Protein backbone atom coordinates (compact mmCIF):
# COMPACT_ATOMS: atom_id res chain seq x y z
CA UNK A 1 0.00 0.00 0.00
CA UNK A 2 1.42 3.37 -1.08
CA UNK A 3 2.18 5.79 1.76
CA UNK A 4 0.99 9.37 1.19
CA UNK A 5 0.51 12.64 3.00
CA UNK A 6 -2.70 14.65 2.61
CA UNK A 7 -2.96 18.41 2.28
CA UNK A 8 -5.45 19.43 4.99
CA UNK A 9 -7.16 22.80 5.34
CA UNK A 10 -9.89 21.56 7.67
CA UNK A 11 -12.56 22.22 5.05
CA UNK A 12 -14.98 20.06 3.12
CA UNK A 13 -12.78 19.32 0.09
CA UNK A 14 -9.98 18.08 2.34
CA UNK A 15 -12.49 15.88 4.15
CA UNK A 16 -13.91 14.46 0.92
CA UNK A 17 -10.40 13.76 -0.38
CA UNK A 18 -9.55 11.90 2.81
CA UNK A 19 -12.83 9.99 2.65
CA UNK A 20 -12.22 8.92 -0.98
CA UNK A 21 -8.59 7.97 -0.33
CA UNK A 22 -9.55 5.82 2.65
CA UNK A 23 -12.42 4.25 0.71
CA UNK A 24 -10.10 3.30 -2.18
CA UNK A 25 -7.91 1.18 0.08
CA UNK A 26 -4.94 1.95 -2.19
CA UNK A 27 -3.08 4.32 0.11
CA UNK A 28 -1.91 4.64 3.69
CA UNK A 29 -2.11 8.22 4.97
CA UNK A 30 0.88 8.79 7.22
CA UNK A 31 0.22 12.46 7.99
CA UNK A 32 -1.88 15.51 7.30
CA UNK A 33 -0.11 18.62 6.02
CA UNK A 34 -1.49 22.03 7.00
CA UNK A 35 -0.33 25.56 6.23
CA UNK A 36 -0.60 27.89 9.23
CA UNK A 37 -0.40 31.68 9.17
CA UNK A 38 2.17 32.22 11.93
CA UNK A 39 1.07 35.81 12.62
CA UNK A 40 -2.52 34.78 13.41
CA UNK A 41 -1.93 31.12 14.35
CA UNK A 42 -4.71 30.15 11.97
CA UNK A 43 -5.15 28.06 8.84
CA UNK A 44 -4.28 30.17 5.81
CA UNK A 45 -7.36 31.47 3.92
CA UNK A 46 -9.86 29.57 6.08
CA UNK A 47 -9.08 31.65 9.17
CA UNK A 48 -9.61 28.70 11.53
CA UNK A 49 -7.60 28.50 14.76
CA UNK A 50 -4.74 26.01 14.79
CA UNK A 51 -6.15 24.33 17.91
CA UNK A 52 -9.31 23.37 16.02
CA UNK A 53 -7.52 21.67 13.12
CA UNK A 54 -5.37 19.88 15.70
CA UNK A 55 -8.59 18.60 17.26
CA UNK A 56 -9.67 17.40 13.82
CA UNK A 57 -6.40 15.51 13.43
CA UNK A 58 -6.83 13.92 16.85
CA UNK A 59 -10.37 12.85 15.97
CA UNK A 60 -9.12 11.42 12.67
CA UNK A 61 -6.33 9.57 14.46
CA UNK A 62 -3.69 11.11 12.20
CA UNK A 63 -0.54 13.17 12.91
CA UNK A 64 -0.32 16.66 11.44
CA UNK A 65 2.73 18.31 9.94
CA UNK A 66 2.52 22.11 9.86
CA UNK A 67 4.05 24.65 7.49
CA UNK A 68 4.23 28.05 9.20
CA UNK A 69 4.18 31.05 6.87
CA UNK A 70 4.02 34.83 7.53
CA UNK A 71 0.89 36.79 6.60
CA UNK A 72 2.71 38.63 3.80
CA UNK A 73 4.25 35.54 2.27
CA UNK A 74 5.73 35.60 -1.23
CA UNK A 75 5.42 32.59 -3.51
CA UNK A 76 9.16 32.02 -3.20
CA UNK A 77 9.04 31.94 0.60
CA UNK A 78 5.95 29.72 0.61
CA UNK A 79 7.56 27.27 -1.80
CA UNK A 80 10.77 27.22 0.22
CA UNK A 81 8.99 26.45 3.49
CA UNK A 82 6.78 23.84 1.87
CA UNK A 83 9.76 22.18 0.19
CA UNK A 84 11.59 21.99 3.51
CA UNK A 85 8.76 20.01 5.09
CA UNK A 86 8.08 17.85 2.04
CA UNK A 87 11.76 16.96 1.69
CA UNK A 88 11.67 15.36 5.13
CA UNK A 89 8.79 13.14 4.02
CA UNK A 90 10.62 12.32 0.79
CA UNK A 91 13.61 11.17 2.82
CA UNK A 92 11.26 8.73 4.57
CA UNK A 93 10.17 7.33 1.23
CA UNK A 94 6.92 9.29 0.86
CA UNK A 95 6.62 10.46 -2.74
CA UNK A 96 2.95 11.40 -3.15
CA UNK A 97 0.77 14.20 -1.75
CA UNK A 98 -3.03 14.18 -1.84
CA UNK A 99 -4.91 17.40 -2.66
CA UNK A 100 -8.59 18.34 -2.67
CA UNK A 101 -8.58 20.39 -5.86
CA UNK A 102 -11.59 19.99 -8.16
CA UNK A 103 -11.27 21.93 -11.41
CA UNK A 104 -8.76 24.81 -11.28
CA UNK A 105 -6.17 23.68 -13.80
CA UNK A 106 -3.62 26.35 -12.90
CA UNK A 107 -3.66 25.31 -9.23
CA UNK A 108 -3.20 21.64 -10.11
CA UNK A 109 -0.36 22.49 -12.49
CA UNK A 110 1.31 24.69 -9.86
CA UNK A 111 1.23 21.87 -7.32
CA UNK A 112 2.48 19.26 -9.76
CA UNK A 113 5.35 21.45 -10.96
CA UNK A 114 6.55 22.17 -7.42
CA UNK A 115 6.27 18.51 -6.42
CA UNK A 116 8.19 17.44 -9.53
CA UNK A 117 11.15 19.56 -8.40
CA UNK A 118 11.32 17.32 -5.32
CA UNK A 119 10.74 14.08 -7.18
CA UNK A 120 7.20 13.81 -5.82
CA UNK A 121 3.73 13.53 -7.39
CA UNK A 122 0.22 14.75 -6.63
CA UNK A 123 -2.90 12.64 -6.11
CA UNK A 124 -6.26 14.33 -6.79
CA UNK A 125 -9.11 12.02 -5.69
CA UNK A 126 -11.98 14.46 -6.29
CA UNK A 127 -10.59 16.09 -9.44
CA UNK A 128 -13.19 16.56 -12.18
CA UNK A 129 -16.21 15.88 -9.97
CA UNK A 130 -19.30 17.98 -10.61
CA UNK A 131 -19.19 20.48 -7.75
CA UNK A 132 -22.94 20.44 -7.08
CA UNK A 133 -22.88 16.63 -6.93
CA UNK A 134 -19.75 16.65 -4.77
CA UNK A 135 -21.19 19.03 -2.19
CA UNK A 136 -24.49 17.15 -2.14
CA UNK A 137 -22.58 13.90 -1.57
CA UNK A 138 -20.69 15.54 1.29
CA UNK A 139 -24.02 16.33 2.97
CA UNK A 140 -25.64 12.95 2.24
CA UNK A 141 -22.62 11.06 3.63
CA UNK A 142 -23.24 12.74 6.98
CA UNK A 143 -20.50 15.34 6.99
CA UNK A 144 -21.22 18.63 8.74
CA UNK A 145 -19.33 21.87 8.15
CA UNK A 146 -19.65 25.51 9.15
CA UNK A 147 -18.87 28.43 6.82
CA UNK A 148 -15.86 30.34 8.19
CA UNK A 149 -15.02 32.72 5.34
CA UNK A 150 -16.86 34.35 2.43
CA UNK A 151 -15.73 36.59 -0.39
CA UNK A 152 -18.21 39.45 -0.09
CA UNK A 153 -17.78 40.20 -3.80
CA UNK A 154 -19.83 37.04 -4.38
CA UNK A 155 -21.57 36.06 -1.12
CA UNK A 156 -23.31 38.17 1.50
CA UNK A 157 -21.96 38.21 5.04
CA UNK A 158 -25.14 36.44 6.22
CA UNK A 159 -23.71 33.14 4.90
CA UNK A 160 -20.99 33.22 7.57
CA UNK A 161 -21.46 30.84 10.47
CA UNK A 162 -24.06 28.84 8.55
CA UNK A 163 -24.03 25.06 8.37
CA UNK A 164 -23.31 23.72 4.91
CA UNK A 165 -26.60 21.98 4.17
CA UNK A 166 -29.25 21.74 1.49
CA UNK A 167 -30.78 25.09 2.39
CA UNK A 168 -27.38 26.76 2.12
CA UNK A 169 -27.01 25.41 -1.42
CA UNK A 170 -30.51 26.58 -2.38
CA UNK A 171 -29.70 30.12 -1.24
CA UNK A 172 -26.37 30.37 -3.08
CA UNK A 173 -26.48 32.99 -5.84
CA UNK A 174 -26.06 31.64 -9.41
CA UNK A 175 -22.57 33.17 -9.68
CA UNK A 176 -21.26 31.12 -6.75
CA UNK A 177 -19.80 27.66 -7.28
CA UNK A 178 -21.63 25.07 -5.09
CA UNK A 179 -18.27 23.92 -3.73
CA UNK A 180 -16.74 27.37 -3.39
CA UNK A 181 -13.89 26.26 -5.64
CA UNK A 182 -13.27 29.80 -6.88
CA UNK A 183 -12.81 31.04 -3.30
CA UNK A 184 -16.43 32.11 -2.77
CA UNK A 185 -16.44 30.47 0.67
CA UNK A 186 -14.36 28.28 2.98
CA UNK A 187 -15.51 25.87 5.65
CA UNK A 188 -14.56 23.91 8.77
CA UNK A 189 -15.72 20.29 9.02
CA UNK A 190 -16.77 19.43 12.55
CA UNK A 191 -18.42 16.03 12.10
CA UNK A 192 -18.64 13.15 9.66
CA UNK A 193 -17.99 9.49 8.92
CA UNK A 194 -14.18 9.83 9.03
CA UNK A 195 -14.17 11.39 12.53
CA UNK A 196 -14.20 9.50 15.81
CA UNK A 197 -15.68 12.49 17.66
CA UNK A 198 -17.48 15.70 16.79
CA UNK A 199 -15.36 18.86 17.04
CA UNK A 200 -17.16 21.24 19.38
CA UNK A 201 -17.06 24.98 18.83
CA UNK A 202 -19.00 28.20 19.34
CA UNK A 203 -19.29 31.15 16.98
CA UNK A 204 -17.08 34.15 17.70
CA UNK A 205 -16.68 37.59 16.20
CA UNK A 206 -16.78 38.57 12.53
CA UNK A 207 -13.73 40.21 10.97
CA UNK A 208 -13.44 41.87 7.54
CA UNK A 209 -10.13 41.80 5.64
CA UNK A 210 -10.35 43.37 2.18
CA UNK A 211 -13.25 41.64 0.41
CA UNK A 212 -13.00 38.56 2.66
CA UNK A 213 -15.12 38.26 5.78
CA UNK A 214 -14.26 35.71 8.49
CA UNK A 215 -16.33 34.24 11.33
CA UNK A 216 -14.18 33.12 14.23
CA UNK A 217 -14.74 29.69 15.73
CA UNK A 218 -14.02 29.29 19.42
CA UNK A 219 -12.91 25.84 20.63
CA UNK A 220 -15.03 24.22 23.32
CA UNK A 221 -12.64 21.82 25.02
CA UNK A 222 -14.12 18.66 26.42
CA UNK A 223 -17.57 19.19 24.91
CA UNK A 224 -18.86 16.62 22.42
C-alpha atoms as a PDB file:
ATOM      1  CA  UNK A   1       0.000   0.000   0.000  1.00  0.00           C
ATOM      2  CA  UNK A   2       1.421   3.371  -1.079  1.00  0.00           C
ATOM      3  CA  UNK A   3       2.177   5.786   1.761  1.00  0.00           C
ATOM      4  CA  UNK A   4       0.995   9.365   1.185  1.00  0.00           C
ATOM      5  CA  UNK A   5       0.509  12.642   3.003  1.00  0.00           C
ATOM      6  CA  UNK A   6      -2.695  14.647   2.607  1.00  0.00           C
ATOM      7  CA  UNK A   7      -2.961  18.410   2.281  1.00  0.00           C
ATOM      8  CA  UNK A   8      -5.451  19.430   4.985  1.00  0.00           C
ATOM      9  CA  UNK A   9      -7.165  22.802   5.342  1.00  0.00           C
ATOM     10  CA  UNK A  10      -9.891  21.562   7.673  1.00  0.00           C
ATOM     11  CA  UNK A  11     -12.564  22.218   5.047  1.00  0.00           C
ATOM     12  CA  UNK A  12     -14.985  20.059   3.122  1.00  0.00           C
ATOM     13  CA  UNK A  13     -12.778  19.320   0.091  1.00  0.00           C
ATOM     14  CA  UNK A  14      -9.981  18.075   2.339  1.00  0.00           C
ATOM     15  CA  UNK A  15     -12.489  15.884   4.146  1.00  0.00           C
ATOM     16  CA  UNK A  16     -13.913  14.465   0.918  1.00  0.00           C
ATOM     17  CA  UNK A  17     -10.405  13.756  -0.378  1.00  0.00           C
ATOM     18  CA  UNK A  18      -9.550  11.898   2.811  1.00  0.00           C
ATOM     19  CA  UNK A  19     -12.830   9.994   2.647  1.00  0.00           C
ATOM     20  CA  UNK A  20     -12.219   8.919  -0.976  1.00  0.00           C
ATOM     21  CA  UNK A  21      -8.586   7.966  -0.329  1.00  0.00           C
ATOM     22  CA  UNK A  22      -9.553   5.820   2.650  1.00  0.00           C
ATOM     23  CA  UNK A  23     -12.418   4.249   0.708  1.00  0.00           C
ATOM     24  CA  UNK A  24     -10.103   3.298  -2.185  1.00  0.00           C
ATOM     25  CA  UNK A  25      -7.909   1.177   0.075  1.00  0.00           C
ATOM     26  CA  UNK A  26      -4.942   1.948  -2.186  1.00  0.00           C
ATOM     27  CA  UNK A  27      -3.077   4.325   0.108  1.00  0.00           C
ATOM     28  CA  UNK A  28      -1.907   4.642   3.685  1.00  0.00           C
ATOM     29  CA  UNK A  29      -2.112   8.216   4.971  1.00  0.00           C
ATOM     30  CA  UNK A  30       0.883   8.791   7.222  1.00  0.00           C
ATOM     31  CA  UNK A  31       0.224  12.465   7.992  1.00  0.00           C
ATOM     32  CA  UNK A  32      -1.885  15.506   7.297  1.00  0.00           C
ATOM     33  CA  UNK A  33      -0.112  18.618   6.022  1.00  0.00           C
ATOM     34  CA  UNK A  34      -1.492  22.029   7.005  1.00  0.00           C
ATOM     35  CA  UNK A  35      -0.332  25.562   6.226  1.00  0.00           C
ATOM     36  CA  UNK A  36      -0.603  27.893   9.226  1.00  0.00           C
ATOM     37  CA  UNK A  37      -0.397  31.680   9.174  1.00  0.00           C
ATOM     38  CA  UNK A  38       2.175  32.217  11.929  1.00  0.00           C
ATOM     39  CA  UNK A  39       1.070  35.807  12.625  1.00  0.00           C
ATOM     40  CA  UNK A  40      -2.522  34.784  13.408  1.00  0.00           C
ATOM     41  CA  UNK A  41      -1.930  31.120  14.354  1.00  0.00           C
ATOM     42  CA  UNK A  42      -4.713  30.149  11.968  1.00  0.00           C
ATOM     43  CA  UNK A  43      -5.147  28.058   8.841  1.00  0.00           C
ATOM     44  CA  UNK A  44      -4.281  30.169   5.813  1.00  0.00           C
ATOM     45  CA  UNK A  45      -7.361  31.468   3.920  1.00  0.00           C
ATOM     46  CA  UNK A  46      -9.859  29.569   6.083  1.00  0.00           C
ATOM     47  CA  UNK A  47      -9.081  31.651   9.173  1.00  0.00           C
ATOM     48  CA  UNK A  48      -9.609  28.697  11.533  1.00  0.00           C
ATOM     49  CA  UNK A  49      -7.604  28.501  14.757  1.00  0.00           C
ATOM     50  CA  UNK A  50      -4.737  26.011  14.789  1.00  0.00           C
ATOM     51  CA  UNK A  51      -6.152  24.329  17.907  1.00  0.00           C
ATOM     52  CA  UNK A  52      -9.306  23.374  16.016  1.00  0.00           C
ATOM     53  CA  UNK A  53      -7.517  21.665  13.120  1.00  0.00           C
ATOM     54  CA  UNK A  54      -5.367  19.882  15.704  1.00  0.00           C
ATOM     55  CA  UNK A  55      -8.594  18.600  17.261  1.00  0.00           C
ATOM     56  CA  UNK A  56      -9.671  17.403  13.822  1.00  0.00           C
ATOM     57  CA  UNK A  57      -6.403  15.506  13.427  1.00  0.00           C
ATOM     58  CA  UNK A  58      -6.825  13.915  16.850  1.00  0.00           C
ATOM     59  CA  UNK A  59     -10.373  12.848  15.969  1.00  0.00           C
ATOM     60  CA  UNK A  60      -9.118  11.424  12.669  1.00  0.00           C
ATOM     61  CA  UNK A  61      -6.325   9.573  14.460  1.00  0.00           C
ATOM     62  CA  UNK A  62      -3.686  11.109  12.199  1.00  0.00           C
ATOM     63  CA  UNK A  63      -0.540  13.169  12.907  1.00  0.00           C
ATOM     64  CA  UNK A  64      -0.321  16.663  11.440  1.00  0.00           C
ATOM     65  CA  UNK A  65       2.732  18.314   9.939  1.00  0.00           C
ATOM     66  CA  UNK A  66       2.522  22.110   9.860  1.00  0.00           C
ATOM     67  CA  UNK A  67       4.049  24.647   7.493  1.00  0.00           C
ATOM     68  CA  UNK A  68       4.231  28.046   9.202  1.00  0.00           C
ATOM     69  CA  UNK A  69       4.183  31.051   6.870  1.00  0.00           C
ATOM     70  CA  UNK A  70       4.021  34.829   7.533  1.00  0.00           C
ATOM     71  CA  UNK A  71       0.893  36.795   6.599  1.00  0.00           C
ATOM     72  CA  UNK A  72       2.713  38.634   3.797  1.00  0.00           C
ATOM     73  CA  UNK A  73       4.251  35.542   2.266  1.00  0.00           C
ATOM     74  CA  UNK A  74       5.726  35.596  -1.232  1.00  0.00           C
ATOM     75  CA  UNK A  75       5.424  32.591  -3.512  1.00  0.00           C
ATOM     76  CA  UNK A  76       9.156  32.021  -3.197  1.00  0.00           C
ATOM     77  CA  UNK A  77       9.044  31.940   0.596  1.00  0.00           C
ATOM     78  CA  UNK A  78       5.952  29.718   0.612  1.00  0.00           C
ATOM     79  CA  UNK A  79       7.559  27.268  -1.797  1.00  0.00           C
ATOM     80  CA  UNK A  80      10.774  27.222   0.220  1.00  0.00           C
ATOM     81  CA  UNK A  81       8.995  26.454   3.494  1.00  0.00           C
ATOM     82  CA  UNK A  82       6.785  23.840   1.868  1.00  0.00           C
ATOM     83  CA  UNK A  83       9.763  22.177   0.189  1.00  0.00           C
ATOM     84  CA  UNK A  84      11.588  21.989   3.512  1.00  0.00           C
ATOM     85  CA  UNK A  85       8.759  20.012   5.094  1.00  0.00           C
ATOM     86  CA  UNK A  86       8.078  17.847   2.037  1.00  0.00           C
ATOM     87  CA  UNK A  87      11.760  16.959   1.688  1.00  0.00           C
ATOM     88  CA  UNK A  88      11.672  15.362   5.132  1.00  0.00           C
ATOM     89  CA  UNK A  89       8.790  13.141   4.022  1.00  0.00           C
ATOM     90  CA  UNK A  90      10.620  12.319   0.786  1.00  0.00           C
ATOM     91  CA  UNK A  91      13.612  11.173   2.823  1.00  0.00           C
ATOM     92  CA  UNK A  92      11.260   8.729   4.571  1.00  0.00           C
ATOM     93  CA  UNK A  93      10.170   7.327   1.230  1.00  0.00           C
ATOM     94  CA  UNK A  94       6.917   9.292   0.862  1.00  0.00           C
ATOM     95  CA  UNK A  95       6.623  10.460  -2.744  1.00  0.00           C
ATOM     96  CA  UNK A  96       2.948  11.396  -3.147  1.00  0.00           C
ATOM     97  CA  UNK A  97       0.775  14.202  -1.748  1.00  0.00           C
ATOM     98  CA  UNK A  98      -3.028  14.175  -1.836  1.00  0.00           C
ATOM     99  CA  UNK A  99      -4.914  17.396  -2.658  1.00  0.00           C
ATOM    100  CA  UNK A 100      -8.594  18.343  -2.667  1.00  0.00           C
ATOM    101  CA  UNK A 101      -8.585  20.388  -5.865  1.00  0.00           C
ATOM    102  CA  UNK A 102     -11.591  19.993  -8.159  1.00  0.00           C
ATOM    103  CA  UNK A 103     -11.269  21.932 -11.413  1.00  0.00           C
ATOM    104  CA  UNK A 104      -8.765  24.813 -11.277  1.00  0.00           C
ATOM    105  CA  UNK A 105      -6.172  23.679 -13.805  1.00  0.00           C
ATOM    106  CA  UNK A 106      -3.616  26.350 -12.901  1.00  0.00           C
ATOM    107  CA  UNK A 107      -3.661  25.308  -9.230  1.00  0.00           C
ATOM    108  CA  UNK A 108      -3.200  21.640 -10.112  1.00  0.00           C
ATOM    109  CA  UNK A 109      -0.358  22.493 -12.495  1.00  0.00           C
ATOM    110  CA  UNK A 110       1.311  24.693  -9.865  1.00  0.00           C
ATOM    111  CA  UNK A 111       1.228  21.870  -7.315  1.00  0.00           C
ATOM    112  CA  UNK A 112       2.478  19.260  -9.758  1.00  0.00           C
ATOM    113  CA  UNK A 113       5.347  21.450 -10.962  1.00  0.00           C
ATOM    114  CA  UNK A 114       6.545  22.171  -7.421  1.00  0.00           C
ATOM    115  CA  UNK A 115       6.273  18.515  -6.419  1.00  0.00           C
ATOM    116  CA  UNK A 116       8.186  17.443  -9.533  1.00  0.00           C
ATOM    117  CA  UNK A 117      11.148  19.561  -8.399  1.00  0.00           C
ATOM    118  CA  UNK A 118      11.317  17.324  -5.317  1.00  0.00           C
ATOM    119  CA  UNK A 119      10.740  14.078  -7.185  1.00  0.00           C
ATOM    120  CA  UNK A 120       7.196  13.809  -5.819  1.00  0.00           C
ATOM    121  CA  UNK A 121       3.729  13.526  -7.388  1.00  0.00           C
ATOM    122  CA  UNK A 122       0.221  14.751  -6.625  1.00  0.00           C
ATOM    123  CA  UNK A 123      -2.900  12.644  -6.109  1.00  0.00           C
ATOM    124  CA  UNK A 124      -6.260  14.331  -6.786  1.00  0.00           C
ATOM    125  CA  UNK A 125      -9.106  12.017  -5.694  1.00  0.00           C
ATOM    126  CA  UNK A 126     -11.978  14.459  -6.294  1.00  0.00           C
ATOM    127  CA  UNK A 127     -10.591  16.088  -9.441  1.00  0.00           C
ATOM    128  CA  UNK A 128     -13.190  16.564 -12.178  1.00  0.00           C
ATOM    129  CA  UNK A 129     -16.208  15.877  -9.966  1.00  0.00           C
ATOM    130  CA  UNK A 130     -19.303  17.976 -10.606  1.00  0.00           C
ATOM    131  CA  UNK A 131     -19.185  20.483  -7.753  1.00  0.00           C
ATOM    132  CA  UNK A 132     -22.935  20.436  -7.078  1.00  0.00           C
ATOM    133  CA  UNK A 133     -22.877  16.632  -6.926  1.00  0.00           C
ATOM    134  CA  UNK A 134     -19.753  16.648  -4.775  1.00  0.00           C
ATOM    135  CA  UNK A 135     -21.195  19.027  -2.188  1.00  0.00           C
ATOM    136  CA  UNK A 136     -24.492  17.149  -2.140  1.00  0.00           C
ATOM    137  CA  UNK A 137     -22.577  13.898  -1.569  1.00  0.00           C
ATOM    138  CA  UNK A 138     -20.693  15.543   1.291  1.00  0.00           C
ATOM    139  CA  UNK A 139     -24.022  16.325   2.969  1.00  0.00           C
ATOM    140  CA  UNK A 140     -25.640  12.949   2.241  1.00  0.00           C
ATOM    141  CA  UNK A 141     -22.623  11.065   3.626  1.00  0.00           C
ATOM    142  CA  UNK A 142     -23.242  12.738   6.979  1.00  0.00           C
ATOM    143  CA  UNK A 143     -20.499  15.342   6.993  1.00  0.00           C
ATOM    144  CA  UNK A 144     -21.217  18.632   8.737  1.00  0.00           C
ATOM    145  CA  UNK A 145     -19.331  21.869   8.152  1.00  0.00           C
ATOM    146  CA  UNK A 146     -19.653  25.514   9.151  1.00  0.00           C
ATOM    147  CA  UNK A 147     -18.865  28.431   6.822  1.00  0.00           C
ATOM    148  CA  UNK A 148     -15.860  30.343   8.187  1.00  0.00           C
ATOM    149  CA  UNK A 149     -15.018  32.723   5.337  1.00  0.00           C
ATOM    150  CA  UNK A 150     -16.861  34.354   2.431  1.00  0.00           C
ATOM    151  CA  UNK A 151     -15.729  36.590  -0.390  1.00  0.00           C
ATOM    152  CA  UNK A 152     -18.206  39.445  -0.086  1.00  0.00           C
ATOM    153  CA  UNK A 153     -17.782  40.198  -3.798  1.00  0.00           C
ATOM    154  CA  UNK A 154     -19.825  37.042  -4.385  1.00  0.00           C
ATOM    155  CA  UNK A 155     -21.565  36.063  -1.122  1.00  0.00           C
ATOM    156  CA  UNK A 156     -23.312  38.172   1.497  1.00  0.00           C
ATOM    157  CA  UNK A 157     -21.962  38.209   5.036  1.00  0.00           C
ATOM    158  CA  UNK A 158     -25.141  36.438   6.222  1.00  0.00           C
ATOM    159  CA  UNK A 159     -23.714  33.141   4.897  1.00  0.00           C
ATOM    160  CA  UNK A 160     -20.986  33.220   7.570  1.00  0.00           C
ATOM    161  CA  UNK A 161     -21.464  30.838  10.472  1.00  0.00           C
ATOM    162  CA  UNK A 162     -24.062  28.835   8.554  1.00  0.00           C
ATOM    163  CA  UNK A 163     -24.027  25.065   8.372  1.00  0.00           C
ATOM    164  CA  UNK A 164     -23.311  23.719   4.909  1.00  0.00           C
ATOM    165  CA  UNK A 165     -26.600  21.984   4.165  1.00  0.00           C
ATOM    166  CA  UNK A 166     -29.249  21.739   1.489  1.00  0.00           C
ATOM    167  CA  UNK A 167     -30.783  25.088   2.386  1.00  0.00           C
ATOM    168  CA  UNK A 168     -27.382  26.762   2.124  1.00  0.00           C
ATOM    169  CA  UNK A 169     -27.007  25.405  -1.420  1.00  0.00           C
ATOM    170  CA  UNK A 170     -30.509  26.576  -2.376  1.00  0.00           C
ATOM    171  CA  UNK A 171     -29.705  30.116  -1.243  1.00  0.00           C
ATOM    172  CA  UNK A 172     -26.371  30.369  -3.075  1.00  0.00           C
ATOM    173  CA  UNK A 173     -26.475  32.986  -5.843  1.00  0.00           C
ATOM    174  CA  UNK A 174     -26.057  31.640  -9.410  1.00  0.00           C
ATOM    175  CA  UNK A 175     -22.568  33.173  -9.676  1.00  0.00           C
ATOM    176  CA  UNK A 176     -21.261  31.118  -6.746  1.00  0.00           C
ATOM    177  CA  UNK A 177     -19.803  27.656  -7.282  1.00  0.00           C
ATOM    178  CA  UNK A 178     -21.629  25.074  -5.094  1.00  0.00           C
ATOM    179  CA  UNK A 179     -18.270  23.918  -3.731  1.00  0.00           C
ATOM    180  CA  UNK A 180     -16.735  27.365  -3.388  1.00  0.00           C
ATOM    181  CA  UNK A 181     -13.887  26.260  -5.641  1.00  0.00           C
ATOM    182  CA  UNK A 182     -13.273  29.799  -6.875  1.00  0.00           C
ATOM    183  CA  UNK A 183     -12.813  31.045  -3.305  1.00  0.00           C
ATOM    184  CA  UNK A 184     -16.427  32.110  -2.765  1.00  0.00           C
ATOM    185  CA  UNK A 185     -16.445  30.470   0.667  1.00  0.00           C
ATOM    186  CA  UNK A 186     -14.363  28.284   2.979  1.00  0.00           C
ATOM    187  CA  UNK A 187     -15.510  25.870   5.654  1.00  0.00           C
ATOM    188  CA  UNK A 188     -14.564  23.909   8.766  1.00  0.00           C
ATOM    189  CA  UNK A 189     -15.724  20.292   9.018  1.00  0.00           C
ATOM    190  CA  UNK A 190     -16.773  19.434  12.550  1.00  0.00           C
ATOM    191  CA  UNK A 191     -18.416  16.028  12.101  1.00  0.00           C
ATOM    192  CA  UNK A 192     -18.642  13.153   9.663  1.00  0.00           C
ATOM    193  CA  UNK A 193     -17.989   9.488   8.916  1.00  0.00           C
ATOM    194  CA  UNK A 194     -14.180   9.830   9.033  1.00  0.00           C
ATOM    195  CA  UNK A 195     -14.167  11.389  12.535  1.00  0.00           C
ATOM    196  CA  UNK A 196     -14.197   9.502  15.812  1.00  0.00           C
ATOM    197  CA  UNK A 197     -15.679  12.491  17.659  1.00  0.00           C
ATOM    198  CA  UNK A 198     -17.484  15.700  16.786  1.00  0.00           C
ATOM    199  CA  UNK A 199     -15.358  18.858  17.040  1.00  0.00           C
ATOM    200  CA  UNK A 200     -17.160  21.239  19.384  1.00  0.00           C
ATOM    201  CA  UNK A 201     -17.058  24.978  18.825  1.00  0.00           C
ATOM    202  CA  UNK A 202     -18.999  28.196  19.340  1.00  0.00           C
ATOM    203  CA  UNK A 203     -19.288  31.154  16.980  1.00  0.00           C
ATOM    204  CA  UNK A 204     -17.077  34.148  17.697  1.00  0.00           C
ATOM    205  CA  UNK A 205     -16.676  37.593  16.195  1.00  0.00           C
ATOM    206  CA  UNK A 206     -16.777  38.568  12.532  1.00  0.00           C
ATOM    207  CA  UNK A 207     -13.728  40.211  10.969  1.00  0.00           C
ATOM    208  CA  UNK A 208     -13.442  41.874   7.541  1.00  0.00           C
ATOM    209  CA  UNK A 209     -10.129  41.803   5.635  1.00  0.00           C
ATOM    210  CA  UNK A 210     -10.354  43.372   2.178  1.00  0.00           C
ATOM    211  CA  UNK A 211     -13.249  41.637   0.414  1.00  0.00           C
ATOM    212  CA  UNK A 212     -13.003  38.564   2.661  1.00  0.00           C
ATOM    213  CA  UNK A 213     -15.122  38.256   5.778  1.00  0.00           C
ATOM    214  CA  UNK A 214     -14.261  35.706   8.490  1.00  0.00           C
ATOM    215  CA  UNK A 215     -16.326  34.244  11.333  1.00  0.00           C
ATOM    216  CA  UNK A 216     -14.175  33.117  14.234  1.00  0.00           C
ATOM    217  CA  UNK A 217     -14.735  29.691  15.731  1.00  0.00           C
ATOM    218  CA  UNK A 218     -14.023  29.286  19.416  1.00  0.00           C
ATOM    219  CA  UNK A 219     -12.909  25.843  20.634  1.00  0.00           C
ATOM    220  CA  UNK A 220     -15.035  24.218  23.320  1.00  0.00           C
ATOM    221  CA  UNK A 221     -12.643  21.823  25.022  1.00  0.00           C
ATOM    222  CA  UNK A 222     -14.122  18.657  26.424  1.00  0.00           C
ATOM    223  CA  UNK A 223     -17.568  19.194  24.908  1.00  0.00           C
ATOM    224  CA  UNK A 224     -18.858  16.621  22.424  1.00  0.00           C
END
